[in-house]
Amino acid sequence: MSTEDRPVRILLADDQPLLRTGFRMVLGAEDDLDIVGEAGDGAEAVDLARRLLPDVVLMDIRMPRMDGVAATRSIVDARLPVRVLILTTFDLDEYVVGALRAGASGFLAKDVPAEDLVVAIRTVAAGEAVVAPRILKRLLDRFADSLPDPSATPPKALDALTEREREVLIQVAKGQSNAEIAAALSVSETTIKTHVGHVLTKLGLRDRVQAVVLAYETGLVRPGA
């Protein structure tokens, strides 16, 4: 049975039982989503991810024994066929940036509407990344002083990109979808998809989330811009 023919298998990782119950109720109402396990801390999440091989781990950041960043890094470093979707609150900004660098496929606020959570899980399970641009800009605002000066010489890492690819990367970093970028640049959506693929390949990035982080870290885009 292919992944398209079966429900998306989800592991819930949160140290608050009531929150896990809430997520189970919301996700359990969807025919194409299946909760296969629950973890109360990061270490247990890594262990269950290894044993159950869920499609997606819905990962809290702050947990006992091992936090969500370390757990995410362990899962990614083990090269498991498992993707991690981080849940966070605004007061844990630095943890979220760490989780993205560790290889998380995206993040959501804990108070995200149920329908957005469901869509995000399906998106991540399909191999895409979930980028919440307004949240990401707020996260990176606090690190603005340490980001490169945009008037400085662009990092050599970006030299491999064509002018159009760099333009596409900027739009991706602003949270634009392929369709929105295509409309803005007056080209087809297929062309934009190809450009995004080239950007990821040339820069050695796994997905759009990592592309967004790189765009901010290199100063190509700055918070609030």
N, C-alpha and C. Protein backbone atom coordinates (compact mmCIF):
# COMPACT_ATOMS: atom_id res chain seq x y z
N MET A 1 0.85 -1.20 0.00
CA MET A 1 0.00 0.00 0.00
C MET A 1 0.88 1.24 0.00
N SER A 2 0.63 2.13 -0.92
CA SER A 2 1.42 3.35 -1.00
C SER A 2 0.93 4.34 0.03
N THR A 3 1.74 5.38 0.27
CA THR A 3 1.36 6.40 1.25
C THR A 3 0.11 7.14 0.81
N GLU A 4 -0.17 7.13 -0.53
CA GLU A 4 -1.35 7.81 -1.01
C GLU A 4 -2.63 7.02 -0.70
N ASP A 5 -2.47 5.71 -0.44
CA ASP A 5 -3.62 4.85 -0.21
C ASP A 5 -3.92 4.62 1.26
N ARG A 6 -3.09 5.13 2.13
CA ARG A 6 -3.31 4.91 3.56
C ARG A 6 -3.30 6.24 4.31
N PRO A 7 -3.85 6.23 5.53
CA PRO A 7 -3.86 7.47 6.32
C PRO A 7 -2.44 7.93 6.66
N VAL A 8 -2.29 9.22 6.89
CA VAL A 8 -1.03 9.77 7.35
C VAL A 8 -0.85 9.34 8.82
N ARG A 9 0.27 8.73 9.12
CA ARG A 9 0.53 8.22 10.46
C ARG A 9 1.23 9.29 11.28
N ILE A 10 0.66 9.62 12.45
CA ILE A 10 1.14 10.76 13.24
C ILE A 10 1.55 10.33 14.64
N LEU A 11 2.67 10.85 15.09
CA LEU A 11 3.12 10.66 16.47
C LEU A 11 2.98 12.00 17.19
N LEU A 12 2.27 12.02 18.30
CA LEU A 12 2.11 13.24 19.10
C LEU A 12 3.18 13.28 20.17
N ALA A 13 3.93 14.37 20.26
CA ALA A 13 4.97 14.51 21.27
C ALA A 13 4.75 15.81 22.03
N ASP A 14 4.21 15.70 23.24
CA ASP A 14 3.93 16.86 24.08
C ASP A 14 3.86 16.38 25.52
N ASP A 15 4.43 17.15 26.45
CA ASP A 15 4.44 16.70 27.84
C ASP A 15 3.15 17.02 28.58
N GLN A 16 2.19 17.63 27.90
CA GLN A 16 0.91 17.94 28.52
C GLN A 16 -0.18 16.99 28.00
N PRO A 17 -0.63 16.06 28.83
CA PRO A 17 -1.64 15.08 28.39
C PRO A 17 -2.91 15.71 27.84
N LEU A 18 -3.33 16.83 28.43
CA LEU A 18 -4.56 17.46 27.96
C LEU A 18 -4.41 17.98 26.52
N LEU A 19 -3.24 18.51 26.21
CA LEU A 19 -3.01 18.98 24.85
C LEU A 19 -2.99 17.82 23.87
N ARG A 20 -2.36 16.72 24.27
CA ARG A 20 -2.34 15.54 23.40
C ARG A 20 -3.76 15.05 23.16
N THR A 21 -4.58 15.07 24.19
CA THR A 21 -5.98 14.65 24.05
C THR A 21 -6.71 15.55 23.07
N GLY A 22 -6.45 16.85 23.18
CA GLY A 22 -7.08 17.79 22.26
C GLY A 22 -6.68 17.54 20.82
N PHE A 23 -5.38 17.34 20.61
CA PHE A 23 -4.91 17.07 19.25
C PHE A 23 -5.49 15.75 18.74
N ARG A 24 -5.58 14.76 19.61
CA ARG A 24 -6.12 13.47 19.19
C ARG A 24 -7.58 13.62 18.75
N MET A 25 -8.34 14.42 19.47
CA MET A 25 -9.74 14.63 19.12
C MET A 25 -9.88 15.33 17.77
N VAL A 26 -9.06 16.35 17.56
CA VAL A 26 -9.12 17.11 16.30
C VAL A 26 -8.68 16.25 15.12
N LEU A 27 -7.54 15.60 15.27
CA LEU A 27 -6.98 14.83 14.16
C LEU A 27 -7.73 13.52 13.93
N GLY A 28 -8.26 12.96 15.01
CA GLY A 28 -8.98 11.70 14.90
C GLY A 28 -10.27 11.82 14.11
N ALA A 29 -10.75 13.04 13.95
CA ALA A 29 -11.98 13.26 13.19
C ALA A 29 -11.74 13.22 11.69
N GLU A 30 -10.47 13.17 11.28
CA GLU A 30 -10.12 13.15 9.86
C GLU A 30 -9.85 11.72 9.41
N ASP A 31 -10.52 11.29 8.33
CA ASP A 31 -10.39 9.91 7.86
C ASP A 31 -8.98 9.58 7.36
N ASP A 32 -8.26 10.60 6.91
CA ASP A 32 -6.94 10.34 6.33
C ASP A 32 -5.79 10.57 7.30
N LEU A 33 -6.10 10.75 8.59
CA LEU A 33 -5.07 10.94 9.61
C LEU A 33 -5.22 9.86 10.67
N ASP A 34 -4.09 9.30 11.12
CA ASP A 34 -4.12 8.22 12.09
C ASP A 34 -3.06 8.46 13.17
N ILE A 35 -3.47 8.61 14.42
CA ILE A 35 -2.53 8.78 15.53
C ILE A 35 -1.99 7.40 15.91
N VAL A 36 -0.70 7.19 15.73
CA VAL A 36 -0.11 5.86 15.99
C VAL A 36 0.62 5.79 17.32
N GLY A 37 0.83 6.93 17.99
CA GLY A 37 1.52 6.92 19.26
C GLY A 37 1.57 8.28 19.90
N GLU A 38 1.90 8.29 21.20
CA GLU A 38 2.03 9.53 21.95
C GLU A 38 3.29 9.47 22.81
N ALA A 39 4.00 10.58 22.88
CA ALA A 39 5.22 10.67 23.70
C ALA A 39 5.09 11.85 24.64
N GLY A 40 5.54 11.66 25.87
CA GLY A 40 5.46 12.71 26.87
C GLY A 40 6.75 13.48 27.06
N ASP A 41 7.81 13.10 26.34
CA ASP A 41 9.08 13.84 26.39
C ASP A 41 9.85 13.57 25.11
N GLY A 42 10.92 14.33 24.90
CA GLY A 42 11.68 14.23 23.67
C GLY A 42 12.36 12.90 23.46
N ALA A 43 12.89 12.32 24.53
CA ALA A 43 13.58 11.05 24.40
C ALA A 43 12.61 9.95 23.97
N GLU A 44 11.43 9.98 24.55
CA GLU A 44 10.40 9.00 24.17
C GLU A 44 9.96 9.22 22.73
N ALA A 45 9.91 10.48 22.31
CA ALA A 45 9.52 10.79 20.94
C ALA A 45 10.52 10.19 19.95
N VAL A 46 11.80 10.31 20.25
CA VAL A 46 12.84 9.75 19.36
C VAL A 46 12.71 8.23 19.32
N ASP A 47 12.52 7.62 20.49
CA ASP A 47 12.40 6.16 20.56
C ASP A 47 11.19 5.67 19.76
N LEU A 48 10.05 6.34 19.93
CA LEU A 48 8.86 5.92 19.21
C LEU A 48 8.97 6.21 17.72
N ALA A 49 9.65 7.28 17.37
CA ALA A 49 9.86 7.59 15.95
C ALA A 49 10.66 6.48 15.28
N ARG A 50 11.65 5.96 15.99
CA ARG A 50 12.48 4.86 15.46
C ARG A 50 11.66 3.59 15.31
N ARG A 51 10.81 3.32 16.31
CA ARG A 51 10.08 2.05 16.32
C ARG A 51 8.81 2.06 15.47
N LEU A 52 8.11 3.20 15.44
CA LEU A 52 6.85 3.27 14.74
C LEU A 52 6.96 3.83 13.32
N LEU A 53 8.02 4.59 13.07
CA LEU A 53 8.23 5.24 11.77
C LEU A 53 6.97 5.96 11.29
N PRO A 54 6.47 6.90 12.07
CA PRO A 54 5.31 7.68 11.63
C PRO A 54 5.69 8.56 10.45
N ASP A 55 4.70 9.04 9.73
CA ASP A 55 4.99 9.96 8.63
C ASP A 55 5.36 11.34 9.18
N VAL A 56 4.67 11.74 10.25
CA VAL A 56 4.87 13.07 10.82
C VAL A 56 4.89 12.99 12.35
N VAL A 57 5.86 13.68 12.95
CA VAL A 57 5.86 13.85 14.41
C VAL A 57 5.40 15.28 14.69
N LEU A 58 4.32 15.41 15.45
CA LEU A 58 3.85 16.72 15.89
C LEU A 58 4.58 17.00 17.20
N MET A 59 5.61 17.84 17.15
CA MET A 59 6.60 17.96 18.22
C MET A 59 6.49 19.28 19.00
N ASP A 60 6.31 19.15 20.31
CA ASP A 60 6.38 20.31 21.18
C ASP A 60 7.85 20.69 21.35
N ILE A 61 8.12 21.94 21.70
CA ILE A 61 9.50 22.38 21.88
C ILE A 61 10.03 22.06 23.27
N ARG A 62 9.34 22.55 24.29
CA ARG A 62 9.85 22.42 25.65
C ARG A 62 9.26 21.19 26.32
N MET A 63 10.11 20.17 26.48
CA MET A 63 9.71 18.91 27.11
C MET A 63 10.82 18.42 28.01
N PRO A 64 10.50 17.58 29.00
CA PRO A 64 11.53 17.04 29.89
C PRO A 64 12.45 16.04 29.20
N ARG A 65 13.59 15.77 29.85
CA ARG A 65 14.60 14.81 29.40
C ARG A 65 15.30 15.26 28.12
N MET A 66 14.56 15.54 27.08
CA MET A 66 15.13 16.01 25.81
C MET A 66 14.14 16.97 25.18
N ASP A 67 14.58 18.19 24.85
CA ASP A 67 13.64 19.14 24.28
C ASP A 67 13.37 18.83 22.81
N GLY A 68 12.42 19.55 22.24
CA GLY A 68 12.02 19.27 20.88
C GLY A 68 13.10 19.51 19.85
N VAL A 69 14.00 20.45 20.12
CA VAL A 69 15.10 20.72 19.18
C VAL A 69 16.03 19.52 19.11
N ALA A 70 16.45 19.03 20.27
CA ALA A 70 17.35 17.87 20.31
C ALA A 70 16.68 16.64 19.73
N ALA A 71 15.40 16.47 20.02
CA ALA A 71 14.67 15.32 19.50
C ALA A 71 14.57 15.39 17.97
N THR A 72 14.29 16.58 17.47
CA THR A 72 14.22 16.77 16.02
C THR A 72 15.56 16.44 15.37
N ARG A 73 16.63 16.94 15.97
CA ARG A 73 17.96 16.70 15.41
C ARG A 73 18.28 15.21 15.40
N SER A 74 17.90 14.50 16.46
CA SER A 74 18.15 13.06 16.54
C SER A 74 17.40 12.31 15.45
N ILE A 75 16.16 12.70 15.22
CA ILE A 75 15.35 12.03 14.20
C ILE A 75 15.91 12.30 12.80
N VAL A 76 16.26 13.56 12.53
CA VAL A 76 16.80 13.92 11.23
C VAL A 76 18.17 13.28 11.00
N ASP A 77 19.03 13.31 12.01
CA ASP A 77 20.38 12.74 11.87
C ASP A 77 20.33 11.24 11.65
N ALA A 78 19.29 10.58 12.18
CA ALA A 78 19.15 9.13 12.01
C ALA A 78 18.62 8.78 10.62
N ARG A 79 18.32 9.80 9.83
CA ARG A 79 17.81 9.62 8.47
C ARG A 79 16.56 8.74 8.44
N LEU A 80 15.71 8.93 9.42
CA LEU A 80 14.45 8.19 9.44
C LEU A 80 13.49 8.81 8.42
N PRO A 81 12.63 8.00 7.82
CA PRO A 81 11.64 8.53 6.86
C PRO A 81 10.49 9.21 7.60
N VAL A 82 10.86 10.14 8.47
CA VAL A 82 9.92 10.80 9.37
C VAL A 82 10.14 12.31 9.28
N ARG A 83 9.07 13.06 9.19
CA ARG A 83 9.18 14.51 9.13
C ARG A 83 8.62 15.11 10.41
N VAL A 84 9.20 16.23 10.83
CA VAL A 84 8.84 16.84 12.11
C VAL A 84 8.16 18.19 11.90
N LEU A 85 7.01 18.34 12.53
CA LEU A 85 6.27 19.61 12.51
C LEU A 85 6.26 20.14 13.94
N ILE A 86 6.89 21.30 14.13
CA ILE A 86 7.07 21.87 15.46
C ILE A 86 5.86 22.69 15.90
N LEU A 87 5.51 22.56 17.16
CA LEU A 87 4.48 23.40 17.77
C LEU A 87 5.17 24.33 18.76
N THR A 88 4.80 25.61 18.76
CA THR A 88 5.51 26.55 19.60
C THR A 88 4.61 27.69 20.07
N THR A 89 5.15 28.49 20.97
CA THR A 89 4.54 29.74 21.38
C THR A 89 5.58 30.83 21.14
N PHE A 90 5.14 32.08 21.05
CA PHE A 90 6.05 33.17 20.70
C PHE A 90 7.18 33.37 21.71
N ASP A 91 6.99 32.92 22.95
CA ASP A 91 8.02 33.16 23.95
C ASP A 91 9.16 32.16 23.86
N LEU A 92 9.11 31.29 22.85
CA LEU A 92 10.18 30.30 22.70
C LEU A 92 10.86 30.46 21.34
N ASP A 93 10.98 31.71 20.89
CA ASP A 93 11.48 31.96 19.55
C ASP A 93 12.81 31.27 19.24
N GLU A 94 13.77 31.40 20.15
CA GLU A 94 15.11 30.87 19.86
C GLU A 94 15.08 29.36 19.69
N TYR A 95 14.16 28.69 20.36
CA TYR A 95 14.04 27.25 20.20
C TYR A 95 13.55 26.89 18.80
N VAL A 96 12.65 27.70 18.28
CA VAL A 96 12.09 27.41 16.97
C VAL A 96 13.15 27.54 15.88
N VAL A 97 13.93 28.61 15.94
CA VAL A 97 15.00 28.77 14.97
C VAL A 97 15.96 27.59 15.05
N GLY A 98 16.26 27.14 16.27
CA GLY A 98 17.12 25.98 16.44
C GLY A 98 16.51 24.73 15.84
N ALA A 99 15.21 24.58 15.99
CA ALA A 99 14.52 23.40 15.45
C ALA A 99 14.54 23.41 13.92
N LEU A 100 14.36 24.58 13.33
CA LEU A 100 14.42 24.68 11.88
C LEU A 100 15.81 24.33 11.37
N ARG A 101 16.81 24.81 12.07
CA ARG A 101 18.19 24.48 11.67
C ARG A 101 18.46 23.00 11.86
N ALA A 102 17.77 22.39 12.84
CA ALA A 102 17.97 20.96 13.11
C ALA A 102 17.31 20.08 12.05
N GLY A 103 16.44 20.68 11.25
CA GLY A 103 15.83 19.91 10.17
C GLY A 103 14.34 19.75 10.24
N ALA A 104 13.67 20.51 11.10
CA ALA A 104 12.21 20.43 11.16
C ALA A 104 11.62 20.89 9.83
N SER A 105 10.47 20.34 9.49
CA SER A 105 9.84 20.66 8.22
C SER A 105 8.88 21.85 8.32
N GLY A 106 8.82 22.45 9.50
CA GLY A 106 7.98 23.61 9.66
C GLY A 106 7.55 23.80 11.10
N PHE A 107 6.75 24.83 11.33
CA PHE A 107 6.28 25.06 12.69
C PHE A 107 4.96 25.80 12.68
N LEU A 108 4.22 25.60 13.74
CA LEU A 108 2.93 26.25 13.91
C LEU A 108 2.82 26.75 15.34
N ALA A 109 1.99 27.76 15.55
CA ALA A 109 1.69 28.20 16.90
C ALA A 109 0.73 27.19 17.52
N LYS A 110 0.81 27.02 18.84
CA LYS A 110 -0.04 26.03 19.50
C LYS A 110 -1.52 26.36 19.40
N ASP A 111 -1.85 27.62 19.20
CA ASP A 111 -3.25 28.00 19.10
C ASP A 111 -3.74 28.04 17.66
N VAL A 112 -3.04 27.35 16.77
CA VAL A 112 -3.41 27.32 15.36
C VAL A 112 -4.82 26.75 15.21
N PRO A 113 -5.64 27.31 14.30
CA PRO A 113 -6.97 26.76 14.06
C PRO A 113 -6.87 25.29 13.63
N ALA A 114 -7.84 24.50 14.02
CA ALA A 114 -7.82 23.06 13.74
C ALA A 114 -7.64 22.77 12.26
N GLU A 115 -8.34 23.52 11.41
CA GLU A 115 -8.26 23.24 9.98
C GLU A 115 -6.86 23.52 9.43
N ASP A 116 -6.17 24.53 9.98
CA ASP A 116 -4.81 24.84 9.55
C ASP A 116 -3.84 23.76 9.99
N LEU A 117 -4.06 23.21 11.18
CA LEU A 117 -3.21 22.12 11.67
C LEU A 117 -3.34 20.91 10.77
N VAL A 118 -4.55 20.56 10.40
CA VAL A 118 -4.80 19.41 9.54
C VAL A 118 -4.12 19.60 8.18
N VAL A 119 -4.28 20.78 7.60
CA VAL A 119 -3.67 21.06 6.30
C VAL A 119 -2.15 21.00 6.40
N ALA A 120 -1.59 21.54 7.47
CA ALA A 120 -0.13 21.55 7.65
C ALA A 120 0.41 20.12 7.74
N ILE A 121 -0.28 19.26 8.47
CA ILE A 121 0.17 17.87 8.60
C ILE A 121 0.15 17.17 7.25
N ARG A 122 -0.90 17.38 6.50
CA ARG A 122 -0.98 16.76 5.17
C ARG A 122 0.12 17.29 4.26
N THR A 123 0.40 18.58 4.37
CA THR A 123 1.43 19.20 3.53
C THR A 123 2.80 18.62 3.85
N VAL A 124 3.12 18.53 5.14
CA VAL A 124 4.42 17.99 5.55
C VAL A 124 4.54 16.52 5.17
N ALA A 125 3.47 15.76 5.35
CA ALA A 125 3.49 14.34 5.00
C ALA A 125 3.74 14.13 3.51
N ALA A 126 3.30 15.10 2.70
CA ALA A 126 3.48 15.00 1.25
C ALA A 126 4.88 15.39 0.81
N GLY A 127 5.73 15.74 1.78
CA GLY A 127 7.12 16.07 1.47
C GLY A 127 7.40 17.53 1.31
N GLU A 128 6.40 18.37 1.54
CA GLU A 128 6.60 19.80 1.45
C GLU A 128 6.89 20.38 2.83
N ALA A 129 7.16 21.67 2.87
CA ALA A 129 7.45 22.33 4.14
C ALA A 129 6.36 23.34 4.45
N VAL A 130 6.12 23.54 5.72
CA VAL A 130 5.13 24.53 6.16
C VAL A 130 5.86 25.76 6.66
N VAL A 131 5.69 26.86 5.99
CA VAL A 131 6.33 28.11 6.39
C VAL A 131 5.25 29.10 6.82
N ALA A 132 5.32 29.55 8.03
CA ALA A 132 4.39 30.57 8.51
C ALA A 132 5.14 31.90 8.47
N PRO A 133 5.06 32.64 7.35
CA PRO A 133 5.91 33.81 7.14
C PRO A 133 5.77 34.90 8.21
N ARG A 134 4.55 35.20 8.63
CA ARG A 134 4.39 36.27 9.63
C ARG A 134 5.03 35.88 10.95
N ILE A 135 4.88 34.60 11.32
CA ILE A 135 5.49 34.12 12.56
C ILE A 135 7.01 34.12 12.41
N LEU A 136 7.49 33.66 11.27
CA LEU A 136 8.93 33.58 11.07
C LEU A 136 9.56 34.97 11.13
N LYS A 137 8.92 35.96 10.56
CA LYS A 137 9.46 37.31 10.61
C LYS A 137 9.53 37.80 12.06
N ARG A 138 8.51 37.46 12.83
CA ARG A 138 8.52 37.87 14.23
C ARG A 138 9.63 37.14 14.99
N LEU A 139 9.83 35.89 14.66
CA LEU A 139 10.89 35.12 15.30
C LEU A 139 12.25 35.74 15.02
N LEU A 140 12.47 36.09 13.77
CA LEU A 140 13.78 36.57 13.37
C LEU A 140 14.02 38.04 13.71
N ASP A 141 12.96 38.76 14.04
CA ASP A 141 13.11 40.16 14.47
C ASP A 141 14.06 40.27 15.66
N ARG A 142 13.97 39.34 16.57
CA ARG A 142 14.79 39.42 17.78
C ARG A 142 16.26 39.14 17.50
N PHE A 143 16.54 38.56 16.31
CA PHE A 143 17.92 38.28 15.94
C PHE A 143 18.43 39.27 14.89
N ALA A 144 17.64 40.31 14.63
CA ALA A 144 17.96 41.22 13.54
C ALA A 144 19.35 41.84 13.69
N ASP A 145 19.75 42.16 14.90
CA ASP A 145 21.04 42.82 15.11
C ASP A 145 22.21 41.94 14.72
N SER A 146 22.00 40.62 14.74
CA SER A 146 23.09 39.71 14.42
C SER A 146 23.08 39.27 12.97
N LEU A 147 22.06 39.71 12.23
CA LEU A 147 21.99 39.34 10.81
C LEU A 147 22.92 40.22 9.99
N PRO A 148 23.38 39.71 8.85
CA PRO A 148 24.29 40.49 8.01
C PRO A 148 23.67 41.78 7.52
N ASP A 149 24.52 42.76 7.27
CA ASP A 149 24.08 44.03 6.72
C ASP A 149 23.69 43.79 5.25
N PRO A 150 22.45 44.09 4.87
CA PRO A 150 22.03 43.83 3.50
C PRO A 150 22.81 44.62 2.46
N SER A 151 23.48 45.70 2.87
CA SER A 151 24.28 46.49 1.92
C SER A 151 25.67 45.90 1.72
N ALA A 152 26.00 44.89 2.53
CA ALA A 152 27.31 44.27 2.40
C ALA A 152 27.33 43.34 1.18
N THR A 153 28.52 42.88 0.81
CA THR A 153 28.65 41.96 -0.31
C THR A 153 27.89 40.67 -0.01
N PRO A 154 27.03 40.22 -0.93
CA PRO A 154 26.26 39.00 -0.69
C PRO A 154 27.17 37.81 -0.44
N PRO A 155 26.79 36.89 0.44
CA PRO A 155 27.61 35.73 0.73
C PRO A 155 27.86 34.90 -0.52
N LYS A 156 29.03 34.29 -0.58
CA LYS A 156 29.40 33.50 -1.75
C LYS A 156 28.45 32.33 -1.97
N ALA A 157 27.76 31.90 -0.91
CA ALA A 157 26.83 30.79 -1.03
C ALA A 157 25.74 31.08 -2.05
N LEU A 158 25.46 32.37 -2.25
CA LEU A 158 24.41 32.75 -3.19
C LEU A 158 24.92 32.97 -4.61
N ASP A 159 26.23 32.89 -4.79
CA ASP A 159 26.81 33.15 -6.11
C ASP A 159 26.34 32.15 -7.17
N ALA A 160 25.98 30.95 -6.72
CA ALA A 160 25.58 29.91 -7.67
C ALA A 160 24.22 30.19 -8.29
N LEU A 161 23.46 31.11 -7.69
CA LEU A 161 22.12 31.39 -8.18
C LEU A 161 22.13 32.40 -9.33
N THR A 162 21.22 32.20 -10.27
CA THR A 162 21.02 33.20 -11.30
C THR A 162 20.22 34.36 -10.69
N GLU A 163 20.14 35.45 -11.41
CA GLU A 163 19.38 36.60 -10.90
C GLU A 163 17.92 36.22 -10.67
N ARG A 164 17.35 35.47 -11.58
CA ARG A 164 15.95 35.07 -11.43
C ARG A 164 15.77 34.11 -10.25
N GLU A 165 16.71 33.21 -10.06
CA GLU A 165 16.62 32.28 -8.94
C GLU A 165 16.73 33.02 -7.61
N ARG A 166 17.57 34.04 -7.58
CA ARG A 166 17.70 34.84 -6.36
C ARG A 166 16.39 35.59 -6.09
N GLU A 167 15.78 36.07 -7.17
CA GLU A 167 14.51 36.78 -7.04
C GLU A 167 13.43 35.83 -6.50
N VAL A 168 13.44 34.62 -6.99
CA VAL A 168 12.47 33.61 -6.52
C VAL A 168 12.72 33.29 -5.06
N LEU A 169 13.98 33.17 -4.66
CA LEU A 169 14.31 32.88 -3.26
C LEU A 169 13.79 33.98 -2.35
N ILE A 170 13.92 35.22 -2.78
CA ILE A 170 13.42 36.34 -1.97
C ILE A 170 11.91 36.21 -1.78
N GLN A 171 11.21 35.86 -2.84
CA GLN A 171 9.76 35.71 -2.75
C GLN A 171 9.38 34.52 -1.85
N VAL A 172 10.13 33.45 -1.94
CA VAL A 172 9.88 32.28 -1.08
C VAL A 172 10.07 32.69 0.38
N ALA A 173 11.12 33.47 0.65
CA ALA A 173 11.41 33.91 2.02
C ALA A 173 10.31 34.82 2.56
N LYS A 174 9.58 35.46 1.68
CA LYS A 174 8.48 36.32 2.11
C LYS A 174 7.18 35.54 2.28
N GLY A 175 7.27 34.21 2.10
CA GLY A 175 6.13 33.35 2.33
C GLY A 175 5.18 33.21 1.15
N GLN A 176 5.63 33.61 -0.04
CA GLN A 176 4.77 33.52 -1.22
C GLN A 176 4.72 32.08 -1.74
N SER A 177 3.55 31.67 -2.19
CA SER A 177 3.40 30.34 -2.78
C SER A 177 3.91 30.37 -4.22
N ASN A 178 4.07 29.20 -4.83
CA ASN A 178 4.53 29.16 -6.22
C ASN A 178 3.56 29.92 -7.13
N ALA A 179 2.27 29.77 -6.87
CA ALA A 179 1.27 30.46 -7.70
C ALA A 179 1.39 31.98 -7.56
N GLU A 180 1.61 32.44 -6.34
CA GLU A 180 1.74 33.88 -6.11
C GLU A 180 3.00 34.44 -6.75
N ILE A 181 4.09 33.67 -6.66
CA ILE A 181 5.35 34.11 -7.28
C ILE A 181 5.20 34.15 -8.80
N ALA A 182 4.54 33.13 -9.35
CA ALA A 182 4.33 33.07 -10.79
C ALA A 182 3.54 34.28 -11.27
N ALA A 183 2.51 34.65 -10.51
CA ALA A 183 1.70 35.80 -10.89
C ALA A 183 2.51 37.09 -10.82
N ALA A 184 3.34 37.20 -9.79
CA ALA A 184 4.14 38.41 -9.61
C ALA A 184 5.20 38.56 -10.70
N LEU A 185 5.74 37.43 -11.17
CA LEU A 185 6.82 37.47 -12.16
C LEU A 185 6.32 37.22 -13.58
N SER A 186 5.00 37.02 -13.72
CA SER A 186 4.39 36.81 -15.04
C SER A 186 4.96 35.62 -15.79
N VAL A 187 5.13 34.51 -15.06
CA VAL A 187 5.57 33.26 -15.67
C VAL A 187 4.65 32.16 -15.18
N SER A 188 4.84 30.95 -15.68
CA SER A 188 3.98 29.84 -15.28
C SER A 188 4.37 29.31 -13.91
N GLU A 189 3.42 28.68 -13.25
CA GLU A 189 3.69 28.07 -11.95
C GLU A 189 4.72 26.95 -12.07
N THR A 190 4.68 26.24 -13.19
CA THR A 190 5.65 25.16 -13.44
C THR A 190 7.07 25.72 -13.50
N THR A 191 7.21 26.89 -14.12
CA THR A 191 8.53 27.52 -14.21
C THR A 191 9.05 27.88 -12.82
N ILE A 192 8.17 28.40 -11.98
CA ILE A 192 8.58 28.76 -10.62
C ILE A 192 8.96 27.51 -9.85
N LYS A 193 8.21 26.45 -10.01
CA LYS A 193 8.52 25.20 -9.32
C LYS A 193 9.91 24.71 -9.72
N THR A 194 10.24 24.88 -10.99
CA THR A 194 11.57 24.49 -11.48
C THR A 194 12.65 25.37 -10.85
N HIS A 195 12.40 26.68 -10.80
CA HIS A 195 13.36 27.60 -10.19
C HIS A 195 13.58 27.26 -8.71
N VAL A 196 12.51 26.99 -8.00
CA VAL A 196 12.63 26.64 -6.58
C VAL A 196 13.47 25.38 -6.42
N GLY A 197 13.24 24.39 -7.28
CA GLY A 197 14.02 23.16 -7.23
C GLY A 197 15.50 23.42 -7.46
N HIS A 198 15.81 24.31 -8.42
CA HIS A 198 17.21 24.65 -8.68
C HIS A 198 17.84 25.37 -7.49
N VAL A 199 17.08 26.26 -6.86
CA VAL A 199 17.59 26.98 -5.69
C VAL A 199 17.95 26.00 -4.58
N LEU A 200 17.05 25.08 -4.29
CA LEU A 200 17.29 24.12 -3.22
C LEU A 200 18.50 23.24 -3.53
N THR A 201 18.60 22.80 -4.78
CA THR A 201 19.71 21.94 -5.17
C THR A 201 21.05 22.67 -5.11
N LYS A 202 21.10 23.87 -5.67
CA LYS A 202 22.35 24.63 -5.71
C LYS A 202 22.84 25.01 -4.31
N LEU A 203 21.90 25.29 -3.40
CA LEU A 203 22.28 25.72 -2.05
C LEU A 203 22.33 24.56 -1.06
N GLY A 204 22.05 23.35 -1.54
CA GLY A 204 22.12 22.18 -0.68
C GLY A 204 21.07 22.20 0.42
N LEU A 205 19.87 22.69 0.10
CA LEU A 205 18.80 22.80 1.08
C LEU A 205 17.75 21.71 0.87
N ARG A 206 17.11 21.31 1.96
CA ARG A 206 16.14 20.22 1.87
C ARG A 206 14.77 20.69 1.43
N ASP A 207 14.36 21.87 1.87
CA ASP A 207 13.00 22.33 1.57
C ASP A 207 12.90 23.84 1.71
N ARG A 208 11.68 24.35 1.56
CA ARG A 208 11.44 25.78 1.57
C ARG A 208 11.72 26.41 2.93
N VAL A 209 11.50 25.66 4.00
CA VAL A 209 11.78 26.20 5.33
C VAL A 209 13.25 26.57 5.45
N GLN A 210 14.13 25.66 5.05
CA GLN A 210 15.56 25.93 5.12
C GLN A 210 15.93 27.10 4.19
N ALA A 211 15.23 27.21 3.08
CA ALA A 211 15.49 28.32 2.16
C ALA A 211 15.14 29.65 2.81
N VAL A 212 14.03 29.68 3.55
CA VAL A 212 13.62 30.90 4.23
C VAL A 212 14.66 31.30 5.28
N VAL A 213 15.07 30.33 6.09
CA VAL A 213 16.06 30.61 7.13
C VAL A 213 17.35 31.13 6.51
N LEU A 214 17.81 30.48 5.43
CA LEU A 214 19.06 30.91 4.78
C LEU A 214 18.93 32.34 4.25
N ALA A 215 17.78 32.66 3.67
CA ALA A 215 17.58 34.00 3.12
C ALA A 215 17.71 35.06 4.20
N TYR A 216 17.21 34.77 5.39
CA TYR A 216 17.34 35.71 6.50
C TYR A 216 18.76 35.72 7.05
N GLU A 217 19.35 34.54 7.21
CA GLU A 217 20.69 34.46 7.80
C GLU A 217 21.74 35.13 6.93
N THR A 218 21.56 35.11 5.61
CA THR A 218 22.53 35.73 4.73
C THR A 218 22.25 37.21 4.51
N GLY A 219 21.12 37.69 5.04
CA GLY A 219 20.79 39.10 4.85
C GLY A 219 20.10 39.40 3.53
N LEU A 220 19.78 38.35 2.75
CA LEU A 220 19.10 38.57 1.48
C LEU A 220 17.74 39.19 1.74
N VAL A 221 17.11 38.78 2.83
CA VAL A 221 15.84 39.36 3.28
C VAL A 221 15.99 39.66 4.75
N ARG A 222 15.41 40.77 5.19
CA ARG A 222 15.50 41.11 6.61
C ARG A 222 14.13 41.16 7.24
N PRO A 223 14.05 40.88 8.54
CA PRO A 223 12.76 40.91 9.23
C PRO A 223 12.07 42.25 9.02
N GLY A 224 10.78 42.19 8.74
CA GLY A 224 10.00 43.40 8.57
C GLY A 224 10.08 44.01 7.19
N ALA A 225 10.97 43.43 6.35
CA ALA A 225 11.11 44.00 5.00
C ALA A 225 9.92 43.65 4.14
